[in-house]
Amino acid sequence: MPLSEDGIHDTGLVMAEGPVCIHDSTDGKMKVPQEIFEGGVGFFLSSVTPGDRSLAERITRKNMKSLPYWQAHPFAELEGSEASDEEFAEAMKKL
């Protein structure tokens, strides 16, 4: 999920590349990337794209690829189409 502006309540870990969401870390360590990706897809499916897994995946890719950590640590699920700027903006409005 996207971090809030201040990140105070949703940062679970701080890495050299920046803050990590509380849902992406456990016991001070990053979760497996595929688990994080699926968690993002599930979050967007339940909150902004009911029933549209393809759009939820594209939004998750765009969100994750915008973060310094995932730019430095890409993985297979990040390959593929991303949400357009318009789709992403619309999804963020619904949060």
Protein backbone atom coordinates (compact mmCIF):
# COMPACT_ATOMS: atom_id res chain seq x y z
CA MET A 1 0.00 0.00 0.00
CA PRO A 2 1.21 3.56 -0.49
CA LEU A 3 2.83 5.23 2.50
CA SER A 4 1.05 8.21 4.01
CA GLU A 5 2.64 11.63 3.68
CA ASP A 6 4.28 11.59 7.10
CA GLY A 7 4.75 7.79 7.17
CA ILE A 8 4.71 7.81 10.97
CA HIS A 9 2.09 5.10 11.47
CA ASP A 10 2.70 2.98 8.39
CA THR A 11 6.50 2.64 8.30
CA GLY A 12 7.61 -0.75 9.57
CA LEU A 13 11.26 -0.62 8.62
CA VAL A 14 13.71 1.95 7.32
CA MET A 15 16.22 0.76 4.73
CA ALA A 16 19.01 2.65 3.00
CA GLU A 17 16.63 3.07 0.04
CA GLY A 18 13.89 4.56 2.22
CA PRO A 19 10.96 3.57 4.42
CA VAL A 20 9.20 0.22 4.11
CA CYS A 21 5.47 -0.22 4.80
CA ILE A 22 4.46 -2.10 7.96
CA HIS A 23 2.73 -4.65 5.74
CA ASP A 24 5.96 -5.37 3.84
CA SER A 25 8.13 -6.26 6.82
CA THR A 26 8.07 -8.70 9.71
CA ASP A 27 10.35 -8.74 12.73
CA GLY A 28 12.61 -6.07 11.25
CA LYS A 29 13.09 -7.86 7.92
CA MET A 30 11.57 -7.49 4.47
CA LYS A 31 9.01 -10.08 3.45
CA VAL A 32 9.54 -12.09 0.26
CA PRO A 33 8.94 -9.78 -2.75
CA GLN A 34 6.26 -12.02 -4.25
CA GLU A 35 4.34 -11.94 -0.96
CA ILE A 36 4.57 -8.14 -0.91
CA PHE A 37 3.35 -7.93 -4.50
CA GLU A 38 0.38 -10.22 -3.78
CA GLY A 39 -0.41 -8.18 -0.67
CA GLY A 40 -0.48 -5.03 -2.79
CA VAL A 41 -2.73 -6.65 -5.35
CA GLY A 42 -5.07 -7.79 -2.58
CA PHE A 43 -5.09 -4.32 -1.05
CA PHE A 44 -6.01 -2.62 -4.32
CA LEU A 45 -8.54 -5.35 -5.18
CA SER A 46 -10.36 -4.78 -1.92
CA SER A 47 -10.11 -1.02 -1.80
CA VAL A 48 -10.26 0.39 -5.34
CA THR A 49 -10.63 -2.26 -8.07
CA PRO A 50 -13.24 -4.78 -6.90
CA GLY A 51 -13.10 -7.78 -9.22
CA ASP A 52 -10.48 -6.31 -11.58
CA ARG A 53 -7.29 -8.20 -10.73
CA SER A 54 -5.53 -7.03 -13.89
CA LEU A 55 -5.96 -3.38 -12.90
CA ALA A 56 -4.95 -4.16 -9.30
CA GLU A 57 -1.74 -5.77 -10.59
CA ARG A 58 -0.97 -2.80 -12.85
CA ILE A 59 -1.57 -0.33 -10.00
CA THR A 60 0.62 -2.42 -7.68
CA ARG A 61 3.44 -2.46 -10.25
CA LYS A 62 3.25 1.30 -10.76
CA ASN A 63 3.20 1.90 -7.01
CA MET A 64 6.08 -0.46 -6.23
CA LYS A 65 8.23 0.66 -9.15
CA SER A 66 7.94 4.27 -7.95
CA LEU A 67 9.69 3.36 -4.68
CA PRO A 68 13.48 3.52 -4.40
CA TYR A 69 13.70 0.10 -2.74
CA TRP A 70 12.04 -1.71 -5.65
CA GLN A 71 14.02 0.30 -8.18
CA ALA A 72 17.16 -1.11 -6.55
CA HIS A 73 15.70 -4.61 -6.03
CA PRO A 74 13.49 -5.55 -9.00
CA PHE A 75 11.86 -8.99 -9.19
CA ALA A 76 9.86 -10.93 -11.79
CA GLU A 77 6.35 -9.79 -10.78
CA LEU A 78 7.30 -6.17 -11.42
CA GLU A 79 7.70 -6.97 -15.10
CA GLY A 80 4.58 -6.30 -17.11
CA SER A 81 2.18 -3.50 -17.81
CA GLU A 82 1.61 -0.71 -15.32
CA ALA A 83 -1.41 1.44 -14.63
CA SER A 84 -1.53 4.66 -16.61
CA ASP A 85 -0.98 7.90 -14.72
CA GLU A 86 -4.74 8.50 -14.95
CA GLU A 87 -5.64 5.04 -13.61
CA PHE A 88 -3.16 5.41 -10.78
CA ALA A 89 -4.41 8.89 -9.85
CA GLU A 90 -8.00 7.65 -9.85
CA ALA A 91 -7.06 4.71 -7.61
CA MET A 92 -5.25 7.00 -5.15
CA LYS A 93 -8.35 9.23 -4.91
CA LYS A 94 -10.36 6.24 -3.71
CA LEU A 95 -8.05 5.52 -0.78
